[in-house]
Amino acid sequence: MSSEKIININMENFETEILSYNGAVMVDFWAEWCGPCKALSPTIDEISQELGADMKVCKINVDENQTLAQQFRVMSIPTVVFFKNGEAVNRFVGVREKNEYIDTMKSL
């Protein structure tokens, strides 16, 4: 079950929630059928609870939002893209330790 702090992103809210946001955003590109994505999901939920109120955690289902996945050249999932002030500045492909995600967000 996803945390209520996690924002599900689609084409309609992408610009408002990510590109126009003045701050740090972590975006998890995932799919229902992806085993590693399911393994990462509880970690993403924990991160959303631990980060400050000025940082956003979002998810994009690549099957439902193929245009966004293509736009950010997501070739493998899970892929987590980090944004600062609307610009993609870093990415992790595959599953990492929770502290790596948190440290990256705090460095933005």
PDB file of N, CA and C in Angstrom:
ATOM      1  N   MET A   1       0.839  -1.187   0.000  1.00  0.00           N
ATOM      2  CA  MET A   1       0.000   0.000   0.000  1.00  0.00           C
ATOM      3  C   MET A   1       0.882   1.248   0.000  1.00  0.00           C
ATOM      4  N   SER A   2       0.634   2.160  -0.867  1.00  0.00           N
ATOM      5  CA  SER A   2       1.435   3.369  -0.994  1.00  0.00           C
ATOM      6  C   SER A   2       1.128   4.359   0.121  1.00  0.00           C
ATOM      7  N   SER A   3       2.167   5.067   0.498  1.00  0.00           N
ATOM      8  CA  SER A   3       2.019   6.133   1.476  1.00  0.00           C
ATOM      9  C   SER A   3       1.153   7.241   0.885  1.00  0.00           C
ATOM     10  N   GLU A   4       0.393   7.909   1.744  1.00  0.00           N
ATOM     11  CA  GLU A   4      -0.442   9.020   1.269  1.00  0.00           C
ATOM     12  C   GLU A   4       0.400  10.214   0.851  1.00  0.00           C
ATOM     13  N   LYS A   5       1.687  10.227   1.224  1.00  0.00           N
ATOM     14  CA  LYS A   5       2.560  11.334   0.830  1.00  0.00           C
ATOM     15  C   LYS A   5       3.102  11.161  -0.585  1.00  0.00           C
ATOM     16  N   ILE A   6       2.975   9.960  -1.137  1.00  0.00           N
ATOM     17  CA  ILE A   6       3.477   9.696  -2.485  1.00  0.00           C
ATOM     18  C   ILE A   6       2.443  10.175  -3.502  1.00  0.00           C
ATOM     19  N   ILE A   7       2.923  10.913  -4.492  1.00  0.00           N
ATOM     20  CA  ILE A   7       2.042  11.461  -5.529  1.00  0.00           C
ATOM     21  C   ILE A   7       2.163  10.603  -6.781  1.00  0.00           C
ATOM     22  N   ASN A   8       1.042  10.082  -7.262  1.00  0.00           N
ATOM     23  CA  ASN A   8       1.043   9.334  -8.516  1.00  0.00           C
ATOM     24  C   ASN A   8       0.979  10.333  -9.666  1.00  0.00           C
ATOM     25  N   ILE A   9       1.932  10.194 -10.578  1.00  0.00           N
ATOM     26  CA  ILE A   9       2.101  11.160 -11.657  1.00  0.00           C
ATOM     27  C   ILE A   9       1.584  10.594 -12.970  1.00  0.00           C
ATOM     28  N   ASN A  10       0.948  11.467 -13.758  1.00  0.00           N
ATOM     29  CA  ASN A  10       0.529  11.139 -15.117  1.00  0.00           C
ATOM     30  C   ASN A  10       0.778  12.372 -15.977  1.00  0.00           C
ATOM     31  N   MET A  11       0.384  12.324 -17.219  1.00  0.00           N
ATOM     32  CA  MET A  11       0.627  13.453 -18.131  1.00  0.00           C
ATOM     33  C   MET A  11      -0.075  14.730 -17.654  1.00  0.00           C
ATOM     34  N   GLU A  12      -1.218  14.575 -16.993  1.00  0.00           N
ATOM     35  CA  GLU A  12      -1.997  15.736 -16.576  1.00  0.00           C
ATOM     36  C   GLU A  12      -1.334  16.523 -15.443  1.00  0.00           C
ATOM     37  N   ASN A  13      -0.696  15.829 -14.498  1.00  0.00           N
ATOM     38  CA  ASN A  13      -0.128  16.539 -13.345  1.00  0.00           C
ATOM     39  C   ASN A  13       1.398  16.601 -13.341  1.00  0.00           C
ATOM     40  N   PHE A  14       2.040  16.065 -14.363  1.00  0.00           N
ATOM     41  CA  PHE A  14       3.503  16.015 -14.402  1.00  0.00           C
ATOM     42  C   PHE A  14       4.144  17.401 -14.314  1.00  0.00           C
ATOM     43  N   GLU A  15       3.663  18.318 -15.127  1.00  0.00           N
ATOM     44  CA  GLU A  15       4.282  19.649 -15.134  1.00  0.00           C
ATOM     45  C   GLU A  15       4.093  20.356 -13.793  1.00  0.00           C
ATOM     46  N   THR A  16       2.891  20.313 -13.263  1.00  0.00           N
ATOM     47  CA  THR A  16       2.607  20.995 -11.997  1.00  0.00           C
ATOM     48  C   THR A  16       3.384  20.393 -10.835  1.00  0.00           C
ATOM     49  N   GLU A  17       3.377  19.073 -10.731  1.00  0.00           N
ATOM     50  CA  GLU A  17       3.973  18.404  -9.573  1.00  0.00           C
ATOM     51  C   GLU A  17       5.497  18.296  -9.641  1.00  0.00           C
ATOM     52  N   ILE A  18       6.066  18.243 -10.851  1.00  0.00           N
ATOM     53  CA  ILE A  18       7.511  18.016 -10.965  1.00  0.00           C
ATOM     54  C   ILE A  18       8.228  19.180 -11.637  1.00  0.00           C
ATOM     55  N   LEU A  19       7.863  19.502 -12.859  1.00  0.00           N
ATOM     56  CA  LEU A  19       8.611  20.519 -13.603  1.00  0.00           C
ATOM     57  C   LEU A  19       8.479  21.913 -13.001  1.00  0.00           C
ATOM     58  N   SER A  20       7.326  22.239 -12.453  1.00  0.00           N
ATOM     59  CA  SER A  20       7.114  23.575 -11.892  1.00  0.00           C
ATOM     60  C   SER A  20       7.434  23.653 -10.403  1.00  0.00           C
ATOM     61  N   TYR A  21       7.842  22.530  -9.809  1.00  0.00           N
ATOM     62  CA  TYR A  21       8.097  22.504  -8.369  1.00  0.00           C
ATOM     63  C   TYR A  21       9.475  23.073  -8.065  1.00  0.00           C
ATOM     64  N   ASN A  22       9.526  23.996  -7.134  1.00  0.00           N
ATOM     65  CA  ASN A  22      10.779  24.636  -6.748  1.00  0.00           C
ATOM     66  C   ASN A  22      11.367  23.888  -5.551  1.00  0.00           C
ATOM     67  N   GLY A  23      12.066  22.792  -5.840  1.00  0.00           N
ATOM     68  CA  GLY A  23      12.639  21.974  -4.779  1.00  0.00           C
ATOM     69  C   GLY A  23      13.036  20.617  -5.317  1.00  0.00           C
ATOM     70  N   ALA A  24      13.279  19.680  -4.391  1.00  0.00           N
ATOM     71  CA  ALA A  24      13.742  18.339  -4.740  1.00  0.00           C
ATOM     72  C   ALA A  24      12.562  17.382  -4.890  1.00  0.00           C
ATOM     73  N   VAL A  25      12.613  16.583  -5.966  1.00  0.00           N
ATOM     74  CA  VAL A  25      11.584  15.578  -6.226  1.00  0.00           C
ATOM     75  C   VAL A  25      12.263  14.272  -6.622  1.00  0.00           C
ATOM     76  N   MET A  26      11.818  13.176  -6.018  1.00  0.00           N
ATOM     77  CA  MET A  26      12.295  11.840  -6.366  1.00  0.00           C
ATOM     78  C   MET A  26      11.156  11.133  -7.086  1.00  0.00           C
ATOM     79  N   VAL A  27      11.414  10.633  -8.299  1.00  0.00           N
ATOM     80  CA  VAL A  27      10.372   9.996  -9.104  1.00  0.00           C
ATOM     81  C   VAL A  27      10.756   8.545  -9.387  1.00  0.00           C
ATOM     82  N   ASP A  28       9.919   7.627  -8.929  1.00  0.00           N
ATOM     83  CA  ASP A  28      10.112   6.196  -9.130  1.00  0.00           C
ATOM     84  C   ASP A  28       9.305   5.763 -10.353  1.00  0.00           C
ATOM     85  N   PHE A  29      10.006   5.353 -11.415  1.00  0.00           N
ATOM     86  CA  PHE A  29       9.366   4.776 -12.599  1.00  0.00           C
ATOM     87  C   PHE A  29       9.252   3.278 -12.346  1.00  0.00           C
ATOM     88  N   TRP A  30       8.037   2.728 -12.411  1.00  0.00           N
ATOM     89  CA  TRP A  30       7.783   1.350 -12.020  1.00  0.00           C
ATOM     90  C   TRP A  30       6.685   0.733 -12.878  1.00  0.00           C
ATOM     91  N   ALA A  31       6.444  -0.574 -12.663  1.00  0.00           N
ATOM     92  CA  ALA A  31       5.334  -1.282 -13.314  1.00  0.00           C
ATOM     93  C   ALA A  31       4.834  -2.379 -12.378  1.00  0.00           C
ATOM     94  N   GLU A  32       3.555  -2.722 -12.501  1.00  0.00           N
ATOM     95  CA  GLU A  32       2.927  -3.758 -11.665  1.00  0.00           C
ATOM     96  C   GLU A  32       3.631  -5.107 -11.780  1.00  0.00           C
ATOM     97  N   TRP A  33       4.075  -5.458 -12.986  1.00  0.00           N
ATOM     98  CA  TRP A  33       4.637  -6.776 -13.252  1.00  0.00           C
ATOM     99  C   TRP A  33       6.114  -6.881 -12.869  1.00  0.00           C
ATOM    100  N   CYS A  34       6.714  -5.819 -12.409  1.00  0.00           N
ATOM    101  CA  CYS A  34       8.154  -5.754 -12.148  1.00  0.00           C
ATOM    102  C   CYS A  34       8.474  -6.192 -10.715  1.00  0.00           C
ATOM    103  N   GLY A  35       9.122  -7.344 -10.569  1.00  0.00           N
ATOM    104  CA  GLY A  35       9.494  -7.860  -9.250  1.00  0.00           C
ATOM    105  C   GLY A  35      10.374  -6.912  -8.449  1.00  0.00           C
ATOM    106  N   PRO A  36      11.476  -6.412  -9.036  1.00  0.00           N
ATOM    107  CA  PRO A  36      12.316  -5.464  -8.294  1.00  0.00           C
ATOM    108  C   PRO A  36      11.563  -4.188  -7.900  1.00  0.00           C
ATOM    109  N   CYS A  37      10.605  -3.758  -8.731  1.00  0.00           N
ATOM    110  CA  CYS A  37       9.801  -2.572  -8.392  1.00  0.00           C
ATOM    111  C   CYS A  37       8.976  -2.842  -7.136  1.00  0.00           C
ATOM    112  N   LYS A  38       8.398  -4.049  -7.056  1.00  0.00           N
ATOM    113  CA  LYS A  38       7.609  -4.419  -5.881  1.00  0.00           C
ATOM    114  C   LYS A  38       8.490  -4.487  -4.638  1.00  0.00           C
ATOM    115  N   ALA A  39       9.733  -4.963  -4.814  1.00  0.00           N
ATOM    116  CA  ALA A  39      10.666  -5.033  -3.689  1.00  0.00           C
ATOM    117  C   ALA A  39      11.056  -3.634  -3.208  1.00  0.00           C
ATOM    118  N   LEU A  40      11.161  -2.689  -4.129  1.00  0.00           N
ATOM    119  CA  LEU A  40      11.553  -1.321  -3.794  1.00  0.00           C
ATOM    120  C   LEU A  40      10.407  -0.513  -3.182  1.00  0.00           C
ATOM    121  N   SER A  41       9.184  -0.870  -3.473  1.00  0.00           N
ATOM    122  CA  SER A  41       8.020  -0.074  -3.072  1.00  0.00           C
ATOM    123  C   SER A  41       7.959   0.253  -1.575  1.00  0.00           C
ATOM    124  N   PRO A  42       8.176  -0.709  -0.659  1.00  0.00           N
ATOM    125  CA  PRO A  42       8.144  -0.356   0.771  1.00  0.00           C
ATOM    126  C   PRO A  42       9.239   0.649   1.148  1.00  0.00           C
ATOM    127  N   THR A  43      10.387   0.556   0.494  1.00  0.00           N
ATOM    128  CA  THR A  43      11.475   1.503   0.747  1.00  0.00           C
ATOM    129  C   THR A  43      11.065   2.902   0.310  1.00  0.00           C
ATOM    130  N   ILE A  44      10.431   3.006  -0.856  1.00  0.00           N
ATOM    131  CA  ILE A  44       9.956   4.303  -1.350  1.00  0.00           C
ATOM    132  C   ILE A  44       8.940   4.887  -0.361  1.00  0.00           C
ATOM    133  N   ASP A  45       8.052   4.033   0.165  1.00  0.00           N
ATOM    134  CA  ASP A  45       7.070   4.486   1.158  1.00  0.00           C
ATOM    135  C   ASP A  45       7.767   5.038   2.401  1.00  0.00           C
ATOM    136  N   GLU A  46       8.784   4.326   2.889  1.00  0.00           N
ATOM    137  CA  GLU A  46       9.527   4.776   4.072  1.00  0.00           C
ATOM    138  C   GLU A  46      10.213   6.112   3.804  1.00  0.00           C
ATOM    139  N   ILE A  47      10.825   6.229   2.638  1.00  0.00           N
ATOM    140  CA  ILE A  47      11.524   7.465   2.278  1.00  0.00           C
ATOM    141  C   ILE A  47      10.551   8.640   2.276  1.00  0.00           C
ATOM    142  N   SER A  48       9.355   8.427   1.742  1.00  0.00           N
ATOM    143  CA  SER A  48       8.372   9.520   1.673  1.00  0.00           C
ATOM    144  C   SER A  48       8.001  10.017   3.068  1.00  0.00           C
ATOM    145  N   GLN A  49       8.046   9.131   4.052  1.00  0.00           N
ATOM    146  CA  GLN A  49       7.718   9.514   5.429  1.00  0.00           C
ATOM    147  C   GLN A  49       8.892  10.214   6.120  1.00  0.00           C
ATOM    148  N   GLU A  50      10.113   9.883   5.707  1.00  0.00           N
ATOM    149  CA  GLU A  50      11.304  10.394   6.382  1.00  0.00           C
ATOM    150  C   GLU A  50      11.800  11.724   5.838  1.00  0.00           C
ATOM    151  N   LEU A  51      11.501  12.030   4.590  1.00  0.00           N
ATOM    152  CA  LEU A  51      11.998  13.269   3.996  1.00  0.00           C
ATOM    153  C   LEU A  51      11.217  14.474   4.499  1.00  0.00           C
ATOM    154  N   GLY A  52      11.844  15.625   4.412  1.00  0.00           N
ATOM    155  CA  GLY A  52      11.207  16.862   4.848  1.00  0.00           C
ATOM    156  C   GLY A  52      10.005  17.218   3.995  1.00  0.00           C
ATOM    157  N   ALA A  53       9.197  18.107   4.523  1.00  0.00           N
ATOM    158  CA  ALA A  53       7.967  18.531   3.843  1.00  0.00           C
ATOM    159  C   ALA A  53       8.251  19.255   2.534  1.00  0.00           C
ATOM    160  N   ASP A  54       9.462  19.775   2.373  1.00  0.00           N
ATOM    161  CA  ASP A  54       9.817  20.508   1.158  1.00  0.00           C
ATOM    162  C   ASP A  54      10.300  19.592   0.038  1.00  0.00           C
ATOM    163  N   MET A  55      10.309  18.272   0.290  1.00  0.00           N
ATOM    164  CA  MET A  55      10.757  17.305  -0.714  1.00  0.00           C
ATOM    165  C   MET A  55       9.591  16.407  -1.093  1.00  0.00           C
ATOM    166  N   LYS A  56       9.454  16.129  -2.400  1.00  0.00           N
ATOM    167  CA  LYS A  56       8.359  15.290  -2.892  1.00  0.00           C
ATOM    168  C   LYS A  56       8.882  13.926  -3.322  1.00  0.00           C
ATOM    169  N   VAL A  57       8.034  12.914  -3.130  1.00  0.00           N
ATOM    170  CA  VAL A  57       8.281  11.577  -3.652  1.00  0.00           C
ATOM    171  C   VAL A  57       7.096  11.240  -4.550  1.00  0.00           C
ATOM    172  N   CYS A  58       7.405  10.861  -5.792  1.00  0.00           N
ATOM    173  CA  CYS A  58       6.364  10.576  -6.781  1.00  0.00           C
ATOM    174  C   CYS A  58       6.614   9.224  -7.434  1.00  0.00           C
ATOM    175  N   LYS A  59       5.565   8.674  -8.027  1.00  0.00           N
ATOM    176  CA  LYS A  59       5.663   7.424  -8.780  1.00  0.00           C
ATOM    177  C   LYS A  59       5.018   7.610 -10.143  1.00  0.00           C
ATOM    178  N   ILE A  60       5.634   6.980 -11.143  1.00  0.00           N
ATOM    179  CA  ILE A  60       5.073   6.973 -12.491  1.00  0.00           C
ATOM    180  C   ILE A  60       5.002   5.529 -12.966  1.00  0.00           C
ATOM    181  N   ASN A  61       3.789   5.052 -13.234  1.00  0.00           N
ATOM    182  CA  ASN A  61       3.593   3.719 -13.792  1.00  0.00           C
ATOM    183  C   ASN A  61       3.940   3.796 -15.281  1.00  0.00           C
ATOM    184  N   VAL A  62       4.996   3.076 -15.687  1.00  0.00           N
ATOM    185  CA  VAL A  62       5.477   3.190 -17.070  1.00  0.00           C
ATOM    186  C   VAL A  62       4.501   2.601 -18.080  1.00  0.00           C
ATOM    187  N   ASP A  63       3.689   1.637 -17.672  1.00  0.00           N
ATOM    188  CA  ASP A  63       2.712   1.061 -18.596  1.00  0.00           C
ATOM    189  C   ASP A  63       1.590   2.056 -18.897  1.00  0.00           C
ATOM    190  N   GLU A  64       1.220   2.846 -17.911  1.00  0.00           N
ATOM    191  CA  GLU A  64       0.148   3.827 -18.082  1.00  0.00           C
ATOM    192  C   GLU A  64       0.657   5.165 -18.612  1.00  0.00           C
ATOM    193  N   ASN A  65       1.962   5.387 -18.531  1.00  0.00           N
ATOM    194  CA  ASN A  65       2.552   6.679 -18.914  1.00  0.00           C
ATOM    195  C   ASN A  65       3.812   6.473 -19.747  1.00  0.00           C
ATOM    196  N   GLN A  66       3.644   5.775 -20.869  1.00  0.00           N
ATOM    197  CA  GLN A  66       4.792   5.437 -21.714  1.00  0.00           C
ATOM    198  C   GLN A  66       5.495   6.675 -22.264  1.00  0.00           C
ATOM    199  N   THR A  67       4.759   7.731 -22.534  1.00  0.00           N
ATOM    200  CA  THR A  67       5.362   8.957 -23.064  1.00  0.00           C
ATOM    201  C   THR A  67       6.359   9.540 -22.071  1.00  0.00           C
ATOM    202  N   LEU A  68       5.995   9.569 -20.795  1.00  0.00           N
ATOM    203  CA  LEU A  68       6.908  10.091 -19.778  1.00  0.00           C
ATOM    204  C   LEU A  68       8.128   9.189 -19.628  1.00  0.00           C
ATOM    205  N   ALA A  69       7.921   7.878 -19.672  1.00  0.00           N
ATOM    206  CA  ALA A  69       9.050   6.949 -19.582  1.00  0.00           C
ATOM    207  C   ALA A  69      10.008   7.164 -20.753  1.00  0.00           C
ATOM    208  N   GLN A  70       9.470   7.361 -21.947  1.00  0.00           N
ATOM    209  CA  GLN A  70      10.315   7.618 -23.120  1.00  0.00           C
ATOM    210  C   GLN A  70      11.010   8.964 -23.015  1.00  0.00           C
ATOM    211  N   GLN A  71      10.296   9.968 -22.548  1.00  0.00           N
ATOM    212  CA  GLN A  71      10.861  11.313 -22.422  1.00  0.00           C
ATOM    213  C   GLN A  71      12.101  11.316 -21.520  1.00  0.00           C
ATOM    214  N   PHE A  72      12.091  10.478 -20.479  1.00  0.00           N
ATOM    215  CA  PHE A  72      13.221  10.419 -19.559  1.00  0.00           C
ATOM    216  C   PHE A  72      14.106   9.201 -19.799  1.00  0.00           C
ATOM    217  N   ARG A  73      13.953   8.602 -20.971  1.00  0.00           N
ATOM    218  CA  ARG A  73      14.797   7.507 -21.428  1.00  0.00           C
ATOM    219  C   ARG A  73      14.904   6.373 -20.398  1.00  0.00           C
ATOM    220  N   VAL A  74      13.766   5.994 -19.863  1.00  0.00           N
ATOM    221  CA  VAL A  74      13.714   4.888 -18.915  1.00  0.00           C
ATOM    222  C   VAL A  74      13.733   3.598 -19.719  1.00  0.00           C
ATOM    223  N   MET A  75      14.849   2.882 -19.647  1.00  0.00           N
ATOM    224  CA  MET A  75      15.031   1.646 -20.414  1.00  0.00           C
ATOM    225  C   MET A  75      14.851   0.404 -19.546  1.00  0.00           C
ATOM    226  N   SER A  76      15.022   0.572 -18.243  1.00  0.00           N
ATOM    227  CA  SER A  76      14.947  -0.533 -17.304  1.00  0.00           C
ATOM    228  C   SER A  76      14.258  -0.016 -16.046  1.00  0.00           C
ATOM    229  N   ILE A  77      13.494  -0.879 -15.402  1.00  0.00           N
ATOM    230  CA  ILE A  77      12.826  -0.447 -14.177  1.00  0.00           C
ATOM    231  C   ILE A  77      13.172  -1.401 -13.041  1.00  0.00           C
ATOM    232  N   PRO A  78      13.180  -0.922 -11.823  1.00  0.00           N
ATOM    233  CA  PRO A  78      12.870   0.447 -11.438  1.00  0.00           C
ATOM    234  C   PRO A  78      13.991   1.425 -11.810  1.00  0.00           C
ATOM    235  N   THR A  79      13.584   2.607 -12.225  1.00  0.00           N
ATOM    236  CA  THR A  79      14.494   3.737 -12.408  1.00  0.00           C
ATOM    237  C   THR A  79      13.958   4.869 -11.548  1.00  0.00           C
ATOM    238  N   VAL A  80      14.837   5.452 -10.751  1.00  0.00           N
ATOM    239  CA  VAL A  80      14.467   6.598  -9.927  1.00  0.00           C
ATOM    240  C   VAL A  80      15.210   7.809 -10.467  1.00  0.00           C
ATOM    241  N   VAL A  81      14.452   8.841 -10.844  1.00  0.00           N
ATOM    242  CA  VAL A  81      15.033  10.077 -11.369  1.00  0.00           C
ATOM    243  C   VAL A  81      14.841  11.165 -10.319  1.00  0.00           C
ATOM    244  N   PHE A  82      15.918  11.894 -10.059  1.00  0.00           N
ATOM    245  CA  PHE A  82      15.895  12.986  -9.085  1.00  0.00           C
ATOM    246  C   PHE A  82      15.832  14.312  -9.823  1.00  0.00           C
ATOM    247  N   PHE A  83      14.912  15.162  -9.410  1.00  0.00           N
ATOM    248  CA  PHE A  83      14.728  16.478 -10.015  1.00  0.00           C
ATOM    249  C   PHE A  83      15.039  17.551  -8.984  1.00  0.00           C
ATOM    250  N   LYS A  84      15.632  18.627  -9.447  1.00  0.00           N
ATOM    251  CA  LYS A  84      15.805  19.820  -8.615  1.00  0.00           C
ATOM    252  C   LYS A  84      15.310  21.007  -9.414  1.00  0.00           C
ATOM    253  N   ASN A  85      14.332  21.706  -8.854  1.00  0.00           N
ATOM    254  CA  ASN A  85      13.744  22.873  -9.518  1.00  0.00           C
ATOM    255  C   ASN A  85      13.304  22.557 -10.945  1.00  0.00           C
ATOM    256  N   GLY A  86      12.703  21.374 -11.137  1.00  0.00           N
ATOM    257  CA  GLY A  86      12.147  20.993 -12.423  1.00  0.00           C
ATOM    258  C   GLY A  86      13.106  20.372 -13.408  1.00  0.00           C
ATOM    259  N   GLU A  87      14.367  20.208 -13.023  1.00  0.00           N
ATOM    260  CA  GLU A  87      15.368  19.653 -13.937  1.00  0.00           C
ATOM    261  C   GLU A  87      15.869  18.309 -13.417  1.00  0.00           C
ATOM    262  N   ALA A  88      15.907  17.293 -14.299  1.00  0.00           N
ATOM    263  CA  ALA A  88      16.445  15.989 -13.922  1.00  0.00           C
ATOM    264  C   ALA A  88      17.949  16.126 -13.713  1.00  0.00           C
ATOM    265  N   VAL A  89      18.418  15.777 -12.506  1.00  0.00           N
ATOM    266  CA  VAL A  89      19.828  15.980 -12.173  1.00  0.00           C
ATOM    267  C   VAL A  89      20.568  14.695 -11.832  1.00  0.00           C
ATOM    268  N   ASN A  90      19.847  13.603 -11.575  1.00  0.00           N
ATOM    269  CA  ASN A  90      20.503  12.342 -11.236  1.00  0.00           C
ATOM    270  C   ASN A  90      19.508  11.215 -11.448  1.00  0.00           C
ATOM    271  N   ARG A  91      20.017   9.986 -11.532  1.00  0.00           N
ATOM    272  CA  ARG A  91      19.136   8.822 -11.664  1.00  0.00           C
ATOM    273  C   ARG A  91      19.830   7.591 -11.132  1.00  0.00           C
ATOM    274  N   PHE A  92      19.033   6.678 -10.602  1.00  0.00           N
ATOM    275  CA  PHE A  92      19.489   5.355 -10.188  1.00  0.00           C
ATOM    276  C   PHE A  92      18.675   4.350 -10.988  1.00  0.00           C
ATOM    277  N   VAL A  93      19.349   3.357 -11.560  1.00  0.00           N
ATOM    278  CA  VAL A  93      18.668   2.265 -12.251  1.00  0.00           C
ATOM    279  C   VAL A  93      18.846   1.020 -11.395  1.00  0.00           C
ATOM    280  N   GLY A  94      17.740   0.349 -11.112  1.00  0.00           N
ATOM    281  CA  GLY A  94      17.796  -0.806 -10.229  1.00  0.00           C
ATOM    282  C   GLY A  94      17.557  -0.393  -8.785  1.00  0.00           C
ATOM    283  N   VAL A  95      17.607  -1.379  -7.902  1.00  0.00           N
ATOM    284  CA  VAL A  95      17.331  -1.150  -6.486  1.00  0.00           C
ATOM    285  C   VAL A  95      18.622  -0.769  -5.769  1.00  0.00           C
ATOM    286  N   ARG A  96      18.545   0.244  -4.924  1.00  0.00           N
ATOM    287  CA  ARG A  96      19.675   0.693  -4.101  1.00  0.00           C
ATOM    288  C   ARG A  96      19.272   0.646  -2.631  1.00  0.00           C
ATOM    289  N   GLU A  97      20.247   0.886  -1.771  1.00  0.00           N
ATOM    290  CA  GLU A  97      19.969   0.978  -0.337  1.00  0.00           C
ATOM    291  C   GLU A  97      19.182   2.258  -0.053  1.00  0.00           C
ATOM    292  N   LYS A  98      18.317   2.211   0.940  1.00  0.00           N
ATOM    293  CA  LYS A  98      17.470   3.358   1.272  1.00  0.00           C
ATOM    294  C   LYS A  98      18.292   4.618   1.517  1.00  0.00           C
ATOM    295  N   ASN A  99      19.414   4.499   2.223  1.00  0.00           N
ATOM    296  CA  ASN A  99      20.200   5.689   2.550  1.00  0.00           C
ATOM    297  C   ASN A  99      20.760   6.373   1.309  1.00  0.00           C
ATOM    298  N   GLU A 100      20.975   5.629   0.225  1.00  0.00           N
ATOM    299  CA  GLU A 100      21.468   6.245  -1.011  1.00  0.00           C
ATOM    300  C   GLU A 100      20.424   7.199  -1.600  1.00  0.00           C
ATOM    301  N   TYR A 101      19.163   6.799  -1.569  1.00  0.00           N
ATOM    302  CA  TYR A 101      18.083   7.663  -2.058  1.00  0.00           C
ATOM    303  C   TYR A 101      17.957   8.909  -1.176  1.00  0.00           C
ATOM    304  N   ILE A 102      17.961   8.689   0.134  1.00  0.00           N
ATOM    305  CA  ILE A 102      17.803   9.805   1.074  1.00  0.00           C
ATOM    306  C   ILE A 102      18.973  10.776   0.963  1.00  0.00           C
ATOM    307  N   ASP A 103      20.201  10.248   0.925  1.00  0.00           N
ATOM    308  CA  ASP A 103      21.381  11.117   0.819  1.00  0.00           C
ATOM    309  C   ASP A 103      21.348  11.935  -0.465  1.00  0.00           C
ATOM    310  N   THR A 104      20.912  11.314  -1.563  1.00  0.00           N
ATOM    311  CA  THR A 104      20.833  12.038  -2.835  1.00  0.00           C
ATOM    312  C   THR A 104      19.800  13.151  -2.746  1.00  0.00           C
ATOM    313  N   MET A 105      18.637  12.864  -2.176  1.00  0.00           N
ATOM    314  CA  MET A 105      17.605  13.897  -2.040  1.00  0.00           C
ATOM    315  C   MET A 105      18.089  15.051  -1.170  1.00  0.00           C
ATOM    316  N   LYS A 106      18.751  14.738  -0.074  1.00  0.00           N
ATOM    317  CA  LYS A 106      19.217  15.788   0.838  1.00  0.00           C
ATOM    318  C   LYS A 106      20.323  16.631   0.222  1.00  0.00           C
ATOM    319  N   SER A 107      21.036  16.069  -0.764  1.00  0.00           N
ATOM    320  CA  SER A 107      22.126  16.812  -1.407  1.00  0.00           C
ATOM    321  C   SER A 107      21.616  17.780  -2.475  1.00  0.00           C
ATOM    322  N   LEU A 108      20.349  17.655  -2.866  1.00  0.00           N
ATOM    323  CA  LEU A 108      19.800  18.507  -3.927  1.00  0.00           C
ATOM    324  C   LEU A 108      19.442  19.894  -3.415  1.00  0.00           C
TER     325      LEU A 108
END
